[in-house]
Every structure is written in C-alpha cells, then in structure tokens.
Amino acid sequence: MAIPEKQDWASKLKDFEAKINQLGLDPTNSQPLTEQGKSNEWITGWFARLPPVAKWIAGGLGVMLLLALLRAAINLIALVVSVAVFAGLIYVVYKLFFSSSDS
C-alpha cells in the first residue's frame, strides 16, 4: 500500500514541477518575503482591486484614522504637560507653606 502512495506523490510532484515550468517561475531564485512585506503586498493588492469610488472612501477612512491617532497623541502630550505643571504647583505650595515653617 505504501508503494502506490509514493507513486501518487511522485506524480503530483511532477505535475507541480510542470506547472511551475509552464508559468516560467524559478523557485531557486525567489527570495522569502518578510511578514511586513507580505502584509504590505496584500494591502496594496487589495487597494488596487478597489473601484475608484471605494478608493476615495478607503482614503478618507485612512485620513480619519490618522487624524484620530494624531489627536490621541496630542491629548497624551497635553496630559503629561498638565500633570507636570500640577506637580510643580504642588511642589511650590509645599515649599512655601511647609518647608518655611520648619526653619
């Protein structure tokens, strides 16, 4: 039973090799893609297949996402600055009222 399976796999391998040769692909010359490259190719391929109106919609959604991320980053920076100013005020109040009474 193992011999027909080997012949089956061998014939399938020959079929695949014939298909590769028919397409003109050189499997020894291909370079592996990184995961980043694969996802970029998938996204660009998906975007290229969209109709023009859908491209405008996808672009608008991308801009909205970018602006939302920018707004979140600005809010985070504002929060850090506010906390720093508040900490500075607390320090000044502590120095004025509590440290001066010790000396």
N, C-alpha and C. Protein backbone atom coordinates (compact mmCIF):
# COMPACT_ATOMS: atom_id res chain seq x y z
N MET A 1 0.81 -1.20 0.00
CA MET A 1 0.00 0.00 0.00
C MET A 1 0.86 1.26 0.00
N ALA A 2 2.08 1.17 0.54
CA ALA A 2 2.95 2.33 0.60
C ALA A 2 3.50 2.67 -0.78
N ILE A 3 3.68 1.70 -1.64
CA ILE A 3 4.26 1.94 -2.95
C ILE A 3 3.33 2.77 -3.84
N PRO A 4 2.03 2.48 -3.92
CA PRO A 4 1.16 3.35 -4.73
C PRO A 4 1.10 4.77 -4.19
N GLU A 5 1.19 4.92 -2.86
CA GLU A 5 1.18 6.28 -2.30
C GLU A 5 2.41 7.04 -2.74
N LYS A 6 3.58 6.37 -2.75
CA LYS A 6 4.80 7.04 -3.19
C LYS A 6 4.70 7.43 -4.66
N GLN A 7 4.13 6.55 -5.46
CA GLN A 7 3.96 6.86 -6.88
C GLN A 7 2.99 8.02 -7.06
N ASP A 8 1.96 8.05 -6.22
CA ASP A 8 0.98 9.14 -6.28
C ASP A 8 1.65 10.47 -5.95
N TRP A 9 2.47 10.47 -4.89
CA TRP A 9 3.17 11.70 -4.52
C TRP A 9 4.17 12.10 -5.59
N ALA A 10 4.83 11.11 -6.16
CA ALA A 10 5.81 11.41 -7.21
C ALA A 10 5.13 12.01 -8.43
N SER A 11 3.96 11.48 -8.78
CA SER A 11 3.25 12.04 -9.93
C SER A 11 2.73 13.45 -9.63
N LYS A 12 2.29 13.66 -8.40
CA LYS A 12 1.84 15.01 -8.02
C LYS A 12 3.00 15.99 -8.06
N LEU A 13 4.17 15.55 -7.59
CA LEU A 13 5.35 16.41 -7.63
C LEU A 13 5.72 16.77 -9.06
N LYS A 14 5.66 15.81 -9.95
CA LYS A 14 5.96 16.08 -11.36
C LYS A 14 4.94 17.04 -11.97
N ASP A 15 3.67 16.89 -11.57
CA ASP A 15 2.64 17.82 -12.06
C ASP A 15 2.93 19.24 -11.59
N PHE A 16 3.31 19.38 -10.31
CA PHE A 16 3.61 20.72 -9.79
C PHE A 16 4.83 21.31 -10.48
N GLU A 17 5.85 20.50 -10.70
CA GLU A 17 7.03 20.99 -11.40
C GLU A 17 6.69 21.42 -12.81
N ALA A 18 5.82 20.68 -13.47
CA ALA A 18 5.41 21.04 -14.82
C ALA A 18 4.65 22.37 -14.81
N LYS A 19 3.78 22.56 -13.81
CA LYS A 19 3.04 23.83 -13.71
C LYS A 19 3.99 25.00 -13.46
N ILE A 20 4.98 24.79 -12.59
CA ILE A 20 5.94 25.86 -12.31
C ILE A 20 6.74 26.19 -13.57
N ASN A 21 7.18 25.18 -14.28
CA ASN A 21 7.93 25.42 -15.51
C ASN A 21 7.06 26.10 -16.56
N GLN A 22 5.78 25.76 -16.60
CA GLN A 22 4.87 26.36 -17.56
C GLN A 22 4.67 27.85 -17.26
N LEU A 23 4.65 28.21 -15.97
CA LEU A 23 4.48 29.61 -15.60
C LEU A 23 5.76 30.40 -15.75
N GLY A 24 6.87 29.71 -15.89
CA GLY A 24 8.14 30.41 -16.05
C GLY A 24 8.71 30.90 -14.74
N LEU A 25 8.32 30.31 -13.63
CA LEU A 25 8.84 30.72 -12.34
C LEU A 25 10.10 29.95 -12.01
N ASP A 26 11.04 30.62 -11.37
CA ASP A 26 12.27 29.96 -10.94
C ASP A 26 12.25 29.86 -9.43
N PRO A 27 11.94 28.69 -8.87
CA PRO A 27 11.82 28.58 -7.41
C PRO A 27 13.15 28.76 -6.69
N THR A 28 14.28 28.57 -7.36
CA THR A 28 15.57 28.74 -6.69
C THR A 28 15.95 30.21 -6.58
N ASN A 29 15.37 31.06 -7.40
CA ASN A 29 15.72 32.48 -7.42
C ASN A 29 14.80 33.32 -6.54
N SER A 30 13.74 32.75 -6.04
CA SER A 30 12.79 33.55 -5.26
C SER A 30 13.35 33.83 -3.88
N GLN A 31 13.08 35.02 -3.38
CA GLN A 31 13.54 35.42 -2.06
C GLN A 31 12.35 35.43 -1.12
N PRO A 32 12.55 34.93 0.10
CA PRO A 32 11.43 34.91 1.03
C PRO A 32 11.03 36.32 1.44
N LEU A 33 9.74 36.53 1.56
CA LEU A 33 9.23 37.82 1.99
C LEU A 33 9.11 37.85 3.50
N THR A 34 9.34 38.99 4.07
CA THR A 34 9.11 39.13 5.50
C THR A 34 7.61 39.26 5.73
N GLU A 35 7.21 39.13 6.97
CA GLU A 35 5.79 39.27 7.29
C GLU A 35 5.30 40.68 6.94
N GLN A 36 6.14 41.68 7.15
CA GLN A 36 5.78 43.06 6.82
C GLN A 36 5.56 43.18 5.32
N GLY A 37 6.44 42.59 4.53
CA GLY A 37 6.31 42.66 3.08
C GLY A 37 5.07 41.96 2.58
N LYS A 38 4.74 40.83 3.21
CA LYS A 38 3.54 40.10 2.80
C LYS A 38 2.29 40.92 3.08
N SER A 39 2.24 41.56 4.24
CA SER A 39 1.04 42.34 4.56
C SER A 39 0.96 43.58 3.68
N ASN A 40 2.11 44.19 3.38
CA ASN A 40 2.10 45.36 2.50
C ASN A 40 1.62 44.98 1.11
N GLU A 41 2.08 43.85 0.61
CA GLU A 41 1.63 43.41 -0.72
C GLU A 41 0.14 43.10 -0.71
N TRP A 42 -0.34 42.52 0.36
CA TRP A 42 -1.77 42.20 0.45
C TRP A 42 -2.59 43.49 0.46
N ILE A 43 -2.16 44.47 1.23
CA ILE A 43 -2.90 45.73 1.33
C ILE A 43 -2.87 46.47 -0.01
N THR A 44 -1.69 46.56 -0.63
CA THR A 44 -1.63 47.28 -1.91
C THR A 44 -2.41 46.55 -2.99
N GLY A 45 -2.38 45.23 -2.97
CA GLY A 45 -3.17 44.47 -3.94
C GLY A 45 -4.66 44.67 -3.73
N TRP A 46 -5.07 44.66 -2.47
CA TRP A 46 -6.49 44.87 -2.15
C TRP A 46 -6.91 46.27 -2.60
N PHE A 47 -6.07 47.27 -2.32
CA PHE A 47 -6.42 48.64 -2.68
C PHE A 47 -6.47 48.80 -4.20
N ALA A 48 -5.57 48.14 -4.91
CA ALA A 48 -5.54 48.27 -6.38
C ALA A 48 -6.78 47.66 -7.02
N ARG A 49 -7.36 46.65 -6.39
CA ARG A 49 -8.54 46.00 -6.96
C ARG A 49 -9.84 46.75 -6.66
N LEU A 50 -9.78 47.77 -5.82
CA LEU A 50 -11.00 48.52 -5.49
C LEU A 50 -11.43 49.40 -6.65
N PRO A 51 -12.74 49.62 -6.78
CA PRO A 51 -13.19 50.61 -7.76
C PRO A 51 -12.82 52.02 -7.29
N PRO A 52 -12.81 52.99 -8.21
CA PRO A 52 -12.36 54.34 -7.85
C PRO A 52 -13.11 54.97 -6.67
N VAL A 53 -14.42 54.78 -6.61
CA VAL A 53 -15.18 55.38 -5.50
C VAL A 53 -14.77 54.75 -4.18
N ALA A 54 -14.56 53.45 -4.18
CA ALA A 54 -14.14 52.77 -2.96
C ALA A 54 -12.73 53.20 -2.54
N LYS A 55 -11.89 53.53 -3.53
CA LYS A 55 -10.55 54.03 -3.19
C LYS A 55 -10.65 55.36 -2.46
N TRP A 56 -11.57 56.23 -2.91
CA TRP A 56 -11.76 57.51 -2.23
C TRP A 56 -12.28 57.29 -0.81
N ILE A 57 -13.20 56.36 -0.66
CA ILE A 57 -13.75 56.07 0.67
C ILE A 57 -12.66 55.50 1.57
N ALA A 58 -11.87 54.56 1.06
CA ALA A 58 -10.79 53.97 1.86
C ALA A 58 -9.75 55.03 2.22
N GLY A 59 -9.45 55.92 1.29
CA GLY A 59 -8.52 57.01 1.59
C GLY A 59 -9.06 57.94 2.65
N GLY A 60 -10.34 58.26 2.57
CA GLY A 60 -10.96 59.11 3.59
C GLY A 60 -10.94 58.46 4.96
N LEU A 61 -11.22 57.16 4.99
CA LEU A 61 -11.17 56.45 6.27
C LEU A 61 -9.75 56.41 6.82
N GLY A 62 -8.78 56.26 5.94
CA GLY A 62 -7.38 56.28 6.36
C GLY A 62 -6.99 57.62 6.95
N VAL A 63 -7.44 58.70 6.31
CA VAL A 63 -7.15 60.04 6.82
C VAL A 63 -7.83 60.24 8.17
N MET A 64 -9.07 59.77 8.30
CA MET A 64 -9.77 59.90 9.58
C MET A 64 -9.04 59.12 10.68
N LEU A 65 -8.55 57.93 10.37
CA LEU A 65 -7.80 57.14 11.34
C LEU A 65 -6.51 57.85 11.73
N LEU A 66 -5.83 58.41 10.75
CA LEU A 66 -4.59 59.14 11.02
C LEU A 66 -4.85 60.34 11.92
N LEU A 67 -5.92 61.08 11.63
CA LEU A 67 -6.25 62.24 12.46
C LEU A 67 -6.64 61.82 13.88
N ALA A 68 -7.34 60.70 14.02
CA ALA A 68 -7.71 60.22 15.35
C ALA A 68 -6.46 59.83 16.14
N LEU A 69 -5.50 59.18 15.49
CA LEU A 69 -4.26 58.83 16.17
C LEU A 69 -3.46 60.07 16.55
N LEU A 70 -3.44 61.05 15.67
CA LEU A 70 -2.74 62.30 15.95
C LEU A 70 -3.39 63.02 17.12
N ARG A 71 -4.72 63.03 17.15
CA ARG A 71 -5.43 63.67 18.25
C ARG A 71 -5.15 62.95 19.57
N ALA A 72 -5.11 61.63 19.55
CA ALA A 72 -4.80 60.87 20.77
C ALA A 72 -3.39 61.18 21.26
N ALA A 73 -2.44 61.29 20.33
CA ALA A 73 -1.06 61.60 20.72
C ALA A 73 -0.97 63.00 21.32
N ILE A 74 -1.68 63.96 20.73
CA ILE A 74 -1.66 65.33 21.25
C ILE A 74 -2.32 65.37 22.63
N ASN A 75 -3.42 64.64 22.81
CA ASN A 75 -4.06 64.59 24.13
C ASN A 75 -3.14 63.97 25.17
N LEU A 76 -2.38 62.96 24.79
CA LEU A 76 -1.44 62.33 25.71
C LEU A 76 -0.34 63.30 26.11
N ILE A 77 0.17 64.04 25.14
CA ILE A 77 1.20 65.04 25.44
C ILE A 77 0.64 66.13 26.35
N ALA A 78 -0.58 66.57 26.08
CA ALA A 78 -1.21 67.59 26.92
C ALA A 78 -1.42 67.07 28.34
N LEU A 79 -1.77 65.81 28.48
CA LEU A 79 -1.94 65.22 29.81
C LEU A 79 -0.62 65.20 30.57
N VAL A 80 0.45 64.83 29.91
CA VAL A 80 1.76 64.80 30.56
C VAL A 80 2.18 66.20 30.99
N VAL A 81 1.96 67.19 30.14
CA VAL A 81 2.31 68.57 30.50
C VAL A 81 1.45 69.05 31.66
N SER A 82 0.17 68.73 31.65
CA SER A 82 -0.72 69.14 32.75
C SER A 82 -0.30 68.51 34.07
N VAL A 83 0.04 67.25 34.05
CA VAL A 83 0.49 66.58 35.28
C VAL A 83 1.80 67.20 35.76
N ALA A 84 2.69 67.54 34.85
CA ALA A 84 3.96 68.17 35.25
C ALA A 84 3.71 69.54 35.87
N VAL A 85 2.83 70.33 35.28
CA VAL A 85 2.51 71.65 35.84
C VAL A 85 1.85 71.50 37.21
N PHE A 86 0.94 70.56 37.35
CA PHE A 86 0.27 70.32 38.62
C PHE A 86 1.27 69.88 39.69
N ALA A 87 2.20 69.01 39.31
CA ALA A 87 3.23 68.57 40.25
C ALA A 87 4.12 69.74 40.64
N GLY A 88 4.43 70.61 39.70
CA GLY A 88 5.22 71.80 40.01
C GLY A 88 4.50 72.72 40.98
N LEU A 89 3.20 72.91 40.78
CA LEU A 89 2.42 73.76 41.70
C LEU A 89 2.38 73.16 43.10
N ILE A 90 2.20 71.87 43.18
CA ILE A 90 2.18 71.21 44.49
C ILE A 90 3.53 71.38 45.18
N TYR A 91 4.61 71.27 44.43
CA TYR A 91 5.95 71.45 45.00
C TYR A 91 6.14 72.87 45.52
N VAL A 92 5.70 73.86 44.73
CA VAL A 92 5.84 75.26 45.16
C VAL A 92 5.02 75.52 46.42
N VAL A 93 3.79 75.02 46.46
CA VAL A 93 2.94 75.20 47.65
C VAL A 93 3.58 74.52 48.86
N TYR A 94 4.14 73.35 48.67
CA TYR A 94 4.80 72.64 49.77
C TYR A 94 5.98 73.45 50.29
N LYS A 95 6.79 73.99 49.37
CA LYS A 95 7.97 74.76 49.78
C LYS A 95 7.56 76.05 50.50
N LEU A 96 6.49 76.69 50.03
CA LEU A 96 6.07 77.96 50.64
C LEU A 96 5.47 77.77 52.03
N PHE A 97 4.62 76.78 52.20
CA PHE A 97 3.87 76.66 53.44
C PHE A 97 4.47 75.69 54.45
N PHE A 98 5.07 74.62 53.99
CA PHE A 98 5.52 73.60 54.93
C PHE A 98 7.02 73.66 55.20
N SER A 99 7.84 73.94 54.21
CA SER A 99 9.28 73.99 54.42
C SER A 99 9.70 75.25 55.15
N SER A 100 9.07 76.37 54.88
CA SER A 100 9.46 77.63 55.52
C SER A 100 9.10 77.63 57.00
N SER A 101 8.09 76.89 57.41
CA SER A 101 7.72 76.86 58.82
C SER A 101 8.68 75.99 59.63
N ASP A 102 9.44 75.09 58.98
CA ASP A 102 10.40 74.25 59.69
C ASP A 102 11.64 75.05 60.09
N SER A 103 12.03 76.09 59.34
CA SER A 103 13.25 76.82 59.66
C SER A 103 13.05 78.04 60.47
